[in-house]
PDB file of N, CA and C in Angstrom:
ATOM      1  N   MET A   1       0.790  -1.181   0.205  1.00  0.00           N
ATOM      2  CA  MET A   1       0.060   0.012  -0.070  1.00  0.00           C
ATOM      3  C   MET A   1       0.968   1.008   0.045  1.00  0.00           C
ATOM      4  N   ASN A   2       0.802   1.872  -0.994  1.00  0.00           N
ATOM      5  CA  ASN A   2       1.679   3.295  -0.870  1.00  0.00           C
ATOM      6  C   ASN A   2       0.899   4.340  -0.345  1.00  0.00           C
ATOM      7  N   ASN A   3       1.518   5.591   0.134  1.00  0.00           N
ATOM      8  CA  ASN A   3       1.199   6.623   1.074  1.00  0.00           C
ATOM      9  C   ASN A   3      -0.016   7.074   0.459  1.00  0.00           C
ATOM     10  N   ASP A   4      -0.268   7.331  -0.933  1.00  0.00           N
ATOM     11  CA  ASP A   4      -1.568   7.787  -1.360  1.00  0.00           C
ATOM     12  C   ASP A   4      -2.743   6.957  -0.711  1.00  0.00           C
ATOM     13  N   GLN A   5      -2.704   5.855  -1.177  1.00  0.00           N
ATOM     14  CA  GLN A   5      -3.433   4.737  -0.385  1.00  0.00           C
ATOM     15  C   GLN A   5      -3.991   4.744   1.097  1.00  0.00           C
ATOM     16  N   HIS A   6      -2.996   4.847   1.609  1.00  0.00           N
ATOM     17  CA  HIS A   6      -2.850   4.994   3.093  1.00  0.00           C
ATOM     18  C   HIS A   6      -3.589   6.181   3.531  1.00  0.00           C
ATOM     19  N   GLN A   7      -3.268   7.274   2.975  1.00  0.00           N
ATOM     20  CA  GLN A   7      -3.715   8.512   3.512  1.00  0.00           C
ATOM     21  C   GLN A   7      -5.162   8.503   2.936  1.00  0.00           C
ATOM     22  N   ALA A   8      -5.673   7.790   1.821  1.00  0.00           N
ATOM     23  CA  ALA A   8      -7.031   8.043   1.662  1.00  0.00           C
ATOM     24  C   ALA A   8      -7.893   7.348   2.654  1.00  0.00           C
ATOM     25  N   ARG A   9      -7.382   5.909   2.873  1.00  0.00           N
ATOM     26  CA  ARG A   9      -8.076   5.135   4.266  1.00  0.00           C
ATOM     27  C   ARG A   9      -7.948   5.865   5.557  1.00  0.00           C
ATOM     28  N   VAL A  10      -6.784   6.518   6.045  1.00  0.00           N
ATOM     29  CA  VAL A  10      -7.116   7.102   7.214  1.00  0.00           C
ATOM     30  C   VAL A  10      -8.012   8.474   6.969  1.00  0.00           C
ATOM     31  N   GLN A  11      -7.962   9.062   5.885  1.00  0.00           N
ATOM     32  CA  GLN A  11      -8.885  10.319   6.134  1.00  0.00           C
ATOM     33  C   GLN A  11     -10.423   9.652   5.699  1.00  0.00           C
ATOM     34  N   GLY A  12     -10.919   8.637   5.109  1.00  0.00           N
ATOM     35  CA  GLY A  12     -12.005   8.030   4.911  1.00  0.00           C
ATOM     36  C   GLY A  12     -12.557   7.710   6.319  1.00  0.00           C
ATOM     37  N   GLU A  13     -11.693   7.080   7.034  1.00  0.00           N
ATOM     38  CA  GLU A  13     -11.944   6.537   8.314  1.00  0.00           C
ATOM     39  C   GLU A  13     -12.260   7.739   9.295  1.00  0.00           C
ATOM     40  N   GLN A  14     -11.281   8.796   9.410  1.00  0.00           N
ATOM     41  CA  GLN A  14     -11.812   9.796  10.135  1.00  0.00           C
ATOM     42  C   GLN A  14     -12.968  10.660   9.848  1.00  0.00           C
ATOM     43  N   ASP A  15     -13.444  10.801   8.633  1.00  0.00           N
ATOM     44  CA  ASP A  15     -14.340  11.533   8.010  1.00  0.00           C
ATOM     45  C   ASP A  15     -15.671  10.693   8.593  1.00  0.00           C
ATOM     46  N   ALA A  16     -15.752   9.432   8.388  1.00  0.00           N
ATOM     47  CA  ALA A  16     -16.761   8.738   8.870  1.00  0.00           C
ATOM     48  C   ALA A  16     -17.114   8.814  10.246  1.00  0.00           C
ATOM     49  N   GLU A  17     -15.802   8.759  11.177  1.00  0.00           N
ATOM     50  CA  GLU A  17     -16.150   8.742  12.592  1.00  0.00           C
ATOM     51  C   GLU A  17     -16.691  10.210  12.983  1.00  0.00           C
ATOM     52  N   GLN A  18     -16.366  11.162  12.030  1.00  0.00           N
ATOM     53  CA  GLN A  18     -17.029  12.727  12.520  1.00  0.00           C
ATOM     54  C   GLN A  18     -18.585  12.535  11.829  1.00  0.00           C
ATOM     55  N   ASP A  19     -19.058  11.808  10.542  1.00  0.00           N
ATOM     56  CA  ASP A  19     -20.234  12.051   9.967  1.00  0.00           C
ATOM     57  C   ASP A  19     -21.312  11.342  10.526  1.00  0.00           C
ATOM     58  N   VAL A  20     -21.003  10.075  11.433  1.00  0.00           N
ATOM     59  CA  VAL A  20     -22.149   8.975  11.841  1.00  0.00           C
ATOM     60  C   VAL A  20     -22.547   9.753  13.265  1.00  0.00           C
ATOM     61  N   THR A  21     -23.774   9.743  13.227  1.00  0.00           N
ATOM     62  CA  THR A  21     -24.544  10.683  14.495  1.00  0.00           C
ATOM     63  C   THR A  21     -25.009   9.083  15.203  1.00  0.00           C
ATOM     64  N   LYS A  22     -23.938   9.075  16.134  1.00  0.00           N
ATOM     65  CA  LYS A  22     -23.885   7.473  17.128  1.00  0.00           C
ATOM     66  C   LYS A  22     -25.123   7.546  17.878  1.00  0.00           C
ATOM     67  N   ILE A  23     -25.557   8.978  18.486  1.00  0.00           N
ATOM     68  CA  ILE A  23     -26.982   8.680  19.248  1.00  0.00           C
ATOM     69  C   ILE A  23     -28.140   8.088  18.379  1.00  0.00           C
ATOM     70  N   LEU A  24     -28.254   8.562  17.291  1.00  0.00           N
ATOM     71  CA  LEU A  24     -29.119   7.921  16.316  1.00  0.00           C
ATOM     72  C   LEU A  24     -29.257   6.444  16.162  1.00  0.00           C
ATOM     73  N   TRP A  25     -28.169   6.036  16.277  1.00  0.00           N
ATOM     74  CA  TRP A  25     -27.836   4.466  15.982  1.00  0.00           C
ATOM     75  C   TRP A  25     -28.194   3.738  17.276  1.00  0.00           C
ATOM     76  N   ILE A  26     -27.786   4.474  18.594  1.00  0.00           N
ATOM     77  CA  ILE A  26     -28.195   3.911  19.591  1.00  0.00           C
ATOM     78  C   ILE A  26     -29.878   4.125  20.061  1.00  0.00           C
ATOM     79  N   VAL A  27     -30.472   5.142  19.547  1.00  0.00           N
ATOM     80  CA  VAL A  27     -31.818   5.073  19.506  1.00  0.00           C
ATOM     81  C   VAL A  27     -32.543   3.796  18.492  1.00  0.00           C
ATOM     82  N   VAL A  28     -31.795   3.646  17.578  1.00  0.00           N
ATOM     83  CA  VAL A  28     -32.261   2.643  16.567  1.00  0.00           C
ATOM     84  C   VAL A  28     -32.045   1.204  17.208  1.00  0.00           C
ATOM     85  N   GLY A  29     -30.993   1.154  17.865  1.00  0.00           N
ATOM     86  CA  GLY A  29     -30.735  -0.254  18.571  1.00  0.00           C
ATOM     87  C   GLY A  29     -31.840  -0.198  19.710  1.00  0.00           C
ATOM     88  N   PHE A  30     -31.884   0.781  20.246  1.00  0.00           N
ATOM     89  CA  PHE A  30     -33.074   0.877  21.738  1.00  0.00           C
ATOM     90  C   PHE A  30     -34.400   0.167  21.233  1.00  0.00           C
ATOM     91  N   PHE A  31     -35.006   0.971  20.038  1.00  0.00           N
ATOM     92  CA  PHE A  31     -36.436   0.795  19.772  1.00  0.00           C
ATOM     93  C   PHE A  31     -36.526   0.112  18.796  1.00  0.00           C
ATOM     94  N   ILE A  32     -35.493  -0.481  17.659  1.00  0.00           N
ATOM     95  CA  ILE A  32     -36.047  -1.416  16.632  1.00  0.00           C
ATOM     96  C   ILE A  32     -34.868  -2.713  16.999  1.00  0.00           C
ATOM     97  N   THR A  33     -34.270  -2.751  18.221  1.00  0.00           N
ATOM     98  CA  THR A  33     -33.645  -4.037  18.319  1.00  0.00           C
ATOM     99  C   THR A  33     -32.941  -4.670  17.295  1.00  0.00           C
ATOM    100  N   LEU A  34     -33.214  -5.934  17.153  1.00  0.00           N
ATOM    101  CA  LEU A  34     -32.474  -7.102  16.243  1.00  0.00           C
ATOM    102  C   LEU A  34     -32.758  -6.280  14.823  1.00  0.00           C
ATOM    103  N   ILE A  35     -34.111  -5.848  14.510  1.00  0.00           N
ATOM    104  CA  ILE A  35     -34.252  -5.547  12.957  1.00  0.00           C
ATOM    105  C   ILE A  35     -33.366  -3.869  12.940  1.00  0.00           C
ATOM    106  N   GLY A  36     -32.994  -3.239  13.923  1.00  0.00           N
ATOM    107  CA  GLY A  36     -32.204  -2.227  14.008  1.00  0.00           C
ATOM    108  C   GLY A  36     -30.615  -2.739  13.714  1.00  0.00           C
ATOM    109  N   LEU A  37     -30.156  -3.628  14.193  1.00  0.00           N
ATOM    110  CA  LEU A  37     -28.890  -4.276  13.914  1.00  0.00           C
ATOM    111  C   LEU A  37     -28.682  -4.616  12.408  1.00  0.00           C
ATOM    112  N   ILE A  38     -29.785  -5.146  11.979  1.00  0.00           N
ATOM    113  CA  ILE A  38     -29.965  -5.551  10.349  1.00  0.00           C
ATOM    114  C   ILE A  38     -29.638  -4.267   9.842  1.00  0.00           C
ATOM    115  N   ILE A  39     -30.438  -3.503   9.999  1.00  0.00           N
ATOM    116  CA  ILE A  39     -30.542  -1.911   9.463  1.00  0.00           C
ATOM    117  C   ILE A  39     -28.919  -1.348   9.277  1.00  0.00           C
ATOM    118  N   ALA A  40     -28.394  -1.562  10.728  1.00  0.00           N
ATOM    119  CA  ALA A  40     -26.956  -0.862  10.636  1.00  0.00           C
ATOM    120  C   ALA A  40     -26.238  -1.694   9.668  1.00  0.00           C
ATOM    121  N   TYR A  41     -26.140  -3.133   9.434  1.00  0.00           N
ATOM    122  CA  TYR A  41     -25.466  -3.774   8.905  1.00  0.00           C
ATOM    123  C   TYR A  41     -25.492  -3.244   7.287  1.00  0.00           C
ATOM    124  N   ILE A  42     -26.804  -3.219   6.931  1.00  0.00           N
ATOM    125  CA  ILE A  42     -27.048  -2.993   5.119  1.00  0.00           C
ATOM    126  C   ILE A  42     -26.795  -1.948   4.801  1.00  0.00           C
ATOM    127  N   TYR A  43     -27.074  -0.689   5.695  1.00  0.00           N
ATOM    128  CA  TYR A  43     -27.140   0.659   5.308  1.00  0.00           C
ATOM    129  C   TYR A  43     -25.405   1.047   5.469  1.00  0.00           C
ATOM    130  N   GLN A  44     -25.318   1.632   3.878  1.00  0.00           N
ATOM    131  CA  GLN A  44     -23.866   1.984   4.182  1.00  0.00           C
ATOM    132  C   GLN A  44     -23.791   3.433   3.313  1.00  0.00           C
ATOM    133  N   PRO A  45     -23.854   4.613   4.181  1.00  0.00           N
ATOM    134  CA  PRO A  45     -24.043   6.097   3.337  1.00  0.00           C
ATOM    135  C   PRO A  45     -22.808   6.160   2.740  1.00  0.00           C
ATOM    136  N   SER A  46     -22.769   6.788   1.466  1.00  0.00           N
ATOM    137  CA  SER A  46     -21.695   7.265   0.553  1.00  0.00           C
ATOM    138  C   SER A  46     -20.963   8.557   1.200  1.00  0.00           C
ATOM    139  N   PRO A  47     -19.884   8.808   0.965  1.00  0.00           N
ATOM    140  CA  PRO A  47     -19.276  10.112   1.335  1.00  0.00           C
ATOM    141  C   PRO A  47     -19.771  10.816   0.334  1.00  0.00           C
ATOM    142  N   PRO A  48     -20.046  12.332   0.991  1.00  0.00           N
ATOM    143  CA  PRO A  48     -20.081  13.420   0.052  1.00  0.00           C
ATOM    144  C   PRO A  48     -18.981  13.547  -1.155  1.00  0.00           C
ATOM    145  N   ALA A  49     -19.725  13.848  -2.528  1.00  0.00           N
ATOM    146  CA  ALA A  49     -18.674  13.765  -3.456  1.00  0.00           C
ATOM    147  C   ALA A  49     -17.991  14.856  -3.599  1.00  0.00           C
ATOM    148  N   THR A  50     -18.095  16.111  -2.757  1.00  0.00           N
ATOM    149  CA  THR A  50     -17.222  17.140  -2.681  1.00  0.00           C
ATOM    150  C   THR A  50     -16.031  16.857  -1.995  1.00  0.00           C
ATOM    151  N   ARG A  51     -15.936  16.034  -1.169  1.00  0.00           N
ATOM    152  CA  ARG A  51     -14.413  15.494  -0.557  1.00  0.00           C
ATOM    153  C   ARG A  51     -13.717  14.824  -1.523  1.00  0.00           C
ATOM    154  N   MET A  52     -13.870  14.464  -2.802  1.00  0.00           N
ATOM    155  CA  MET A  52     -13.148  13.856  -3.632  1.00  0.00           C
ATOM    156  C   MET A  52     -12.976  14.709  -4.933  1.00  0.00           C
ATOM    157  N   VAL A  53     -13.436  15.779  -4.780  1.00  0.00           N
ATOM    158  CA  VAL A  53     -12.976  16.743  -5.945  1.00  0.00           C
ATOM    159  C   VAL A  53     -11.454  16.751  -6.014  1.00  0.00           C
ATOM    160  N   ASP A  54     -10.934  16.726  -7.607  1.00  0.00           N
ATOM    161  CA  ASP A  54      -9.645  16.928  -7.594  1.00  0.00           C
ATOM    162  C   ASP A  54      -8.613  15.579  -7.264  1.00  0.00           C
ATOM    163  N   LYS A  55      -9.363  14.559  -6.720  1.00  0.00           N
ATOM    164  CA  LYS A  55      -8.561  13.451  -6.278  1.00  0.00           C
ATOM    165  C   LYS A  55      -8.487  12.348  -7.178  1.00  0.00           C
ATOM    166  N   SER A  56      -7.793  11.494  -7.397  1.00  0.00           N
ATOM    167  CA  SER A  56      -7.444  10.403  -8.287  1.00  0.00           C
ATOM    168  C   SER A  56      -8.499   9.548  -7.916  1.00  0.00           C
ATOM    169  N   SER A  57      -8.794   8.466  -9.086  1.00  0.00           N
ATOM    170  CA  SER A  57      -9.720   7.395  -8.842  1.00  0.00           C
ATOM    171  C   SER A  57      -9.372   6.390  -7.932  1.00  0.00           C
ATOM    172  N   GLU A  58      -7.842   6.163  -7.696  1.00  0.00           N
ATOM    173  CA  GLU A  58      -7.513   5.256  -6.810  1.00  0.00           C
ATOM    174  C   GLU A  58      -7.852   5.811  -5.645  1.00  0.00           C
ATOM    175  N   TYR A  59      -7.416   7.026  -5.295  1.00  0.00           N
ATOM    176  CA  TYR A  59      -7.602   7.884  -4.063  1.00  0.00           C
ATOM    177  C   TYR A  59      -9.165   7.583  -3.634  1.00  0.00           C
ATOM    178  N   THR A  60     -10.074   7.877  -4.564  1.00  0.00           N
ATOM    179  CA  THR A  60     -11.595   7.822  -4.647  1.00  0.00           C
ATOM    180  C   THR A  60     -11.970   6.478  -3.931  1.00  0.00           C
ATOM    181  N   MET A  61     -11.422   5.399  -4.628  1.00  0.00           N
ATOM    182  CA  MET A  61     -11.732   4.082  -4.168  1.00  0.00           C
ATOM    183  C   MET A  61     -11.445   3.729  -2.817  1.00  0.00           C
ATOM    184  N   PHE A  62     -10.354   4.069  -2.308  1.00  0.00           N
ATOM    185  CA  PHE A  62      -9.835   3.571  -1.185  1.00  0.00           C
ATOM    186  C   PHE A  62     -10.335   4.459  -0.190  1.00  0.00           C
ATOM    187  N   TYR A  63     -10.651   5.802  -0.578  1.00  0.00           N
ATOM    188  CA  TYR A  63     -11.405   6.346   0.377  1.00  0.00           C
ATOM    189  C   TYR A  63     -12.778   6.190   0.770  1.00  0.00           C
ATOM    190  N   THR A  64     -13.346   5.803  -0.434  1.00  0.00           N
ATOM    191  CA  THR A  64     -14.845   5.156  -0.428  1.00  0.00           C
ATOM    192  C   THR A  64     -14.874   4.099   0.418  1.00  0.00           C
ATOM    193  N   GLU A  65     -14.436   3.046   0.054  1.00  0.00           N
ATOM    194  CA  GLU A  65     -13.957   1.822   0.855  1.00  0.00           C
ATOM    195  C   GLU A  65     -13.974   2.091   2.283  1.00  0.00           C
ATOM    196  N   ALA A  66     -12.779   2.754   2.783  1.00  0.00           N
ATOM    197  CA  ALA A  66     -12.547   2.852   4.084  1.00  0.00           C
ATOM    198  C   ALA A  66     -13.867   3.586   4.879  1.00  0.00           C
ATOM    199  N   TYR A  67     -14.214   4.663   4.194  1.00  0.00           N
ATOM    200  CA  TYR A  67     -15.634   5.348   4.476  1.00  0.00           C
ATOM    201  C   TYR A  67     -16.649   4.636   4.952  1.00  0.00           C
ATOM    202  N   LYS A  68     -17.023   3.700   4.180  1.00  0.00           N
ATOM    203  CA  LYS A  68     -18.305   2.984   4.182  1.00  0.00           C
ATOM    204  C   LYS A  68     -17.713   1.760   5.226  1.00  0.00           C
ATOM    205  N   ASN A  69     -16.840   1.271   5.281  1.00  0.00           N
ATOM    206  CA  ASN A  69     -16.461   0.158   6.316  1.00  0.00           C
ATOM    207  C   ASN A  69     -16.348   1.020   7.875  1.00  0.00           C
ATOM    208  N   LYS A  70     -15.883   2.034   7.968  1.00  0.00           N
ATOM    209  CA  LYS A  70     -15.806   2.753   9.310  1.00  0.00           C
ATOM    210  C   LYS A  70     -17.391   3.048   9.678  1.00  0.00           C
ATOM    211  N   CYS A  71     -17.939   3.498   8.710  1.00  0.00           N
ATOM    212  CA  CYS A  71     -19.774   3.640   9.040  1.00  0.00           C
ATOM    213  C   CYS A  71     -19.994   2.600   9.419  1.00  0.00           C
ATOM    214  N   ARG A  72     -20.163   1.358   8.684  1.00  0.00           N
ATOM    215  CA  ARG A  72     -20.960  -0.006   9.267  1.00  0.00           C
ATOM    216  C   ARG A  72     -20.256  -0.287  10.419  1.00  0.00           C
ATOM    217  N   SER A  73     -18.975  -0.132  10.736  1.00  0.00           N
ATOM    218  CA  SER A  73     -18.620  -0.520  12.424  1.00  0.00           C
ATOM    219  C   SER A  73     -19.020   0.323  13.291  1.00  0.00           C
ATOM    220  N   ILE A  74     -19.016   1.727  12.839  1.00  0.00           N
ATOM    221  CA  ILE A  74     -19.713   2.561  14.098  1.00  0.00           C
ATOM    222  C   ILE A  74     -21.422   2.271  14.260  1.00  0.00           C
ATOM    223  N   GLN A  75     -21.909   2.113  13.195  1.00  0.00           N
ATOM    224  CA  GLN A  75     -23.134   1.916  13.240  1.00  0.00           C
ATOM    225  C   GLN A  75     -23.611   0.615  13.882  1.00  0.00           C
ATOM    226  N   LEU A  76     -22.955  -0.350  13.746  1.00  0.00           N
ATOM    227  CA  LEU A  76     -22.974  -1.787  14.260  1.00  0.00           C
ATOM    228  C   LEU A  76     -22.710  -1.829  15.846  1.00  0.00           C
ATOM    229  N   THR A  77     -21.889  -1.138  16.157  1.00  0.00           N
ATOM    230  CA  THR A  77     -21.453  -0.585  17.797  1.00  0.00           C
ATOM    231  C   THR A  77     -22.478  -0.044  18.376  1.00  0.00           C
ATOM    232  N   TYR A  78     -22.688   0.929  17.786  1.00  0.00           N
ATOM    233  CA  TYR A  78     -23.703   1.865  18.696  1.00  0.00           C
ATOM    234  C   TYR A  78     -25.146   1.431  18.866  1.00  0.00           C
ATOM    235  N   THR A  79     -25.515   0.573  17.692  1.00  0.00           N
ATOM    236  CA  THR A  79     -26.880  -0.202  17.462  1.00  0.00           C
ATOM    237  C   THR A  79     -26.768  -1.338  18.391  1.00  0.00           C
ATOM    238  N   ALA A  80     -25.897  -1.768  18.695  1.00  0.00           N
ATOM    239  CA  ALA A  80     -25.574  -2.789  19.677  1.00  0.00           C
ATOM    240  C   ALA A  80     -25.656  -2.663  21.169  1.00  0.00           C
ATOM    241  N   ILE A  81     -25.117  -1.598  21.418  1.00  0.00           N
ATOM    242  CA  ILE A  81     -25.305  -0.448  22.624  1.00  0.00           C
ATOM    243  C   ILE A  81     -26.572  -0.452  22.839  1.00  0.00           C
ATOM    244  N   GLY A  82     -27.279   0.216  21.783  1.00  0.00           N
ATOM    245  CA  GLY A  82     -28.785   0.396  22.545  1.00  0.00           C
ATOM    246  C   GLY A  82     -29.646  -0.588  22.638  1.00  0.00           C
ATOM    247  N   PHE A  83     -29.328  -1.692  21.642  1.00  0.00           N
ATOM    248  CA  PHE A  83     -29.953  -3.108  21.811  1.00  0.00           C
ATOM    249  C   PHE A  83     -29.755  -3.505  23.091  1.00  0.00           C
ATOM    250  N   ALA A  84     -28.416  -3.471  23.574  1.00  0.00           N
ATOM    251  CA  ALA A  84     -27.936  -4.220  24.900  1.00  0.00           C
ATOM    252  C   ALA A  84     -28.847  -3.309  26.215  1.00  0.00           C
ATOM    253  N   VAL A  85     -28.925  -2.229  25.896  1.00  0.00           N
ATOM    254  CA  VAL A  85     -29.378  -1.381  27.012  1.00  0.00           C
ATOM    255  C   VAL A  85     -30.763  -1.662  27.028  1.00  0.00           C
ATOM    256  N   SER A  86     -31.680  -1.590  26.028  1.00  0.00           N
ATOM    257  CA  SER A  86     -33.064  -2.259  25.850  1.00  0.00           C
ATOM    258  C   SER A  86     -33.270  -3.477  26.446  1.00  0.00           C
ATOM    259  N   ALA A  87     -32.479  -4.193  26.201  1.00  0.00           N
ATOM    260  CA  ALA A  87     -32.648  -5.923  26.639  1.00  0.00           C
ATOM    261  C   ALA A  87     -32.355  -5.688  28.092  1.00  0.00           C
ATOM    262  N   GLY A  88     -31.216  -5.066  28.469  1.00  0.00           N
ATOM    263  CA  GLY A  88     -30.973  -4.906  29.951  1.00  0.00           C
ATOM    264  C   GLY A  88     -32.306  -4.490  30.862  1.00  0.00           C
ATOM    265  N   ILE A  89     -33.068  -3.297  30.189  1.00  0.00           N
ATOM    266  CA  ILE A  89     -34.128  -3.111  30.885  1.00  0.00           C
ATOM    267  C   ILE A  89     -35.378  -4.108  30.564  1.00  0.00           C
ATOM    268  N   GLY A  90     -35.615  -4.700  29.676  1.00  0.00           N
ATOM    269  CA  GLY A  90     -36.511  -5.714  29.555  1.00  0.00           C
ATOM    270  C   GLY A  90     -36.464  -6.561  30.562  1.00  0.00           C
ATOM    271  N   ILE A  91     -35.351  -6.936  30.735  1.00  0.00           N
ATOM    272  CA  ILE A  91     -34.800  -8.192  31.631  1.00  0.00           C
ATOM    273  C   ILE A  91     -35.046  -7.651  33.170  1.00  0.00           C
ATOM    274  N   LEU A  92     -34.434  -6.665  33.301  1.00  0.00           N
ATOM    275  CA  LEU A  92     -35.031  -5.742  34.584  1.00  0.00           C
ATOM    276  C   LEU A  92     -36.370  -5.665  34.891  1.00  0.00           C
ATOM    277  N   ILE A  93     -37.317  -5.556  34.132  1.00  0.00           N
ATOM    278  CA  ILE A  93     -38.900  -5.541  34.146  1.00  0.00           C
ATOM    279  C   ILE A  93     -39.469  -6.796  34.378  1.00  0.00           C
ATOM    280  N   PHE A  94     -38.839  -7.810  33.717  1.00  0.00           N
ATOM    281  CA  PHE A  94     -39.623  -9.285  33.773  1.00  0.00           C
ATOM    282  C   PHE A  94     -39.009  -9.622  35.231  1.00  0.00           C
ATOM    283  N   ILE A  95     -37.845  -9.608  35.421  1.00  0.00           N
ATOM    284  CA  ILE A  95     -37.454 -10.289  36.998  1.00  0.00           C
ATOM    285  C   ILE A  95     -38.265  -9.295  37.958  1.00  0.00           C
ATOM    286  N   ALA A  96     -38.574  -7.918  37.960  1.00  0.00           N
ATOM    287  CA  ALA A  96     -39.457  -7.187  38.641  1.00  0.00           C
ATOM    288  C   ALA A  96     -40.740  -7.672  38.788  1.00  0.00           C
ATOM    289  N   GLY A  97     -41.410  -7.905  37.471  1.00  0.00           N
ATOM    290  CA  GLY A  97     -42.883  -8.631  37.360  1.00  0.00           C
ATOM    291  C   GLY A  97     -42.771  -9.891  37.857  1.00  0.00           C
ATOM    292  N   MET A  98     -41.697 -10.642  37.832  1.00  0.00           N
ATOM    293  CA  MET A  98     -41.774 -12.033  38.416  1.00  0.00           C
ATOM    294  C   MET A  98     -41.687 -12.106  40.034  1.00  0.00           C
ATOM    295  N   ALA A  99     -41.095 -11.209  40.490  1.00  0.00           N
ATOM    296  CA  ALA A  99     -40.847 -10.878  42.056  1.00  0.00           C
ATOM    297  C   ALA A  99     -42.020 -10.514  42.543  1.00  0.00           C
ATOM    298  N   MET A 100     -42.770  -9.723  41.681  1.00  0.00           N
ATOM    299  CA  MET A 100     -44.206  -9.301  42.300  1.00  0.00           C
ATOM    300  C   MET A 100     -45.202 -10.342  42.212  1.00  0.00           C
ATOM    301  N   ILE A 101     -45.033 -10.991  41.189  1.00  0.00           N
ATOM    302  CA  ILE A 101     -46.438 -12.210  41.004  1.00  0.00           C
ATOM    303  C   ILE A 101     -45.759 -13.259  42.238  1.00  0.00           C
ATOM    304  N   GLY A 102     -44.558 -13.346  42.504  1.00  0.00           N
ATOM    305  CA  GLY A 102     -43.981 -14.388  43.696  1.00  0.00           C
ATOM    306  C   GLY A 102     -44.457 -13.645  44.749  1.00  0.00           C
ATOM    307  N   SER A 103     -44.349 -12.348  45.364  1.00  0.00           N
ATOM    308  CA  SER A 103     -44.641 -12.142  46.471  1.00  0.00           C
ATOM    309  C   SER A 103     -46.223 -11.854  46.602  1.00  0.00           C
ATOM    310  N   MET A 104     -47.056 -11.749  45.645  1.00  0.00           N
ATOM    311  CA  MET A 104     -48.555 -12.116  45.803  1.00  0.00           C
ATOM    312  C   MET A 104     -48.796 -13.018  46.210  1.00  0.00           C
ATOM    313  N   SER A 105     -48.345 -14.123  45.429  1.00  0.00           N
ATOM    314  CA  SER A 105     -48.716 -15.607  45.829  1.00  0.00           C
ATOM    315  C   SER A 105     -48.445 -16.047  47.267  1.00  0.00           C
ATOM    316  N   ASN A 106     -47.308 -15.265  47.973  1.00  0.00           N
ATOM    317  CA  ASN A 106     -46.952 -15.584  49.180  1.00  0.00           C
ATOM    318  C   ASN A 106     -48.123 -15.026  50.236  1.00  0.00           C
ATOM    319  N   ASN A 107     -48.770 -13.841  49.955  1.00  0.00           N
ATOM    320  CA  ASN A 107     -49.792 -12.990  50.384  1.00  0.00           C
ATOM    321  C   ASN A 107     -51.107 -14.087  50.479  1.00  0.00           C
ATOM    322  N   PHE A 108     -51.364 -15.134  49.756  1.00  0.00           N
ATOM    323  CA  PHE A 108     -52.689 -15.785  49.623  1.00  0.00           C
ATOM    324  C   PHE A 108     -52.350 -17.450  50.242  1.00  0.00           C
ATOM    325  N   PRO A 109     -52.839 -17.696  51.520  1.00  0.00           N
ATOM    326  CA  PRO A 109     -52.239 -19.101  51.894  1.00  0.00           C
ATOM    327  C   PRO A 109     -53.527 -20.008  51.240  1.00  0.00           C
ATOM    328  N   TYR A 110     -52.819 -21.248  51.278  1.00  0.00           N
ATOM    329  CA  TYR A 110     -53.756 -22.136  50.516  1.00  0.00           C
ATOM    330  C   TYR A 110     -54.308 -23.214  51.223  1.00  0.00           C
TER     331      TYR A 110
END
């Protein structure tokens, strides 16, 4: 990999890090759960074309590949965080519900 290719990858990853709205993907994971993870995996935003003006086709190819891969990685990570929080809350609610049912059955002697 030459310096131009390396620079394109580094710049693509840095731009993806700035462009992805992380809170959005946490919300997607929290509310849409497993389907949100699938969406995060499938959806790959393209970088703005203005960033590749006056760049070689090789630079554009490496930049775009790095950008899309980094976006997918970030999206999956933050969607998984939202899903984990949602699942954790769901488990706590289930445990609390079972505890309430258990305490109610103890109040009724048979």
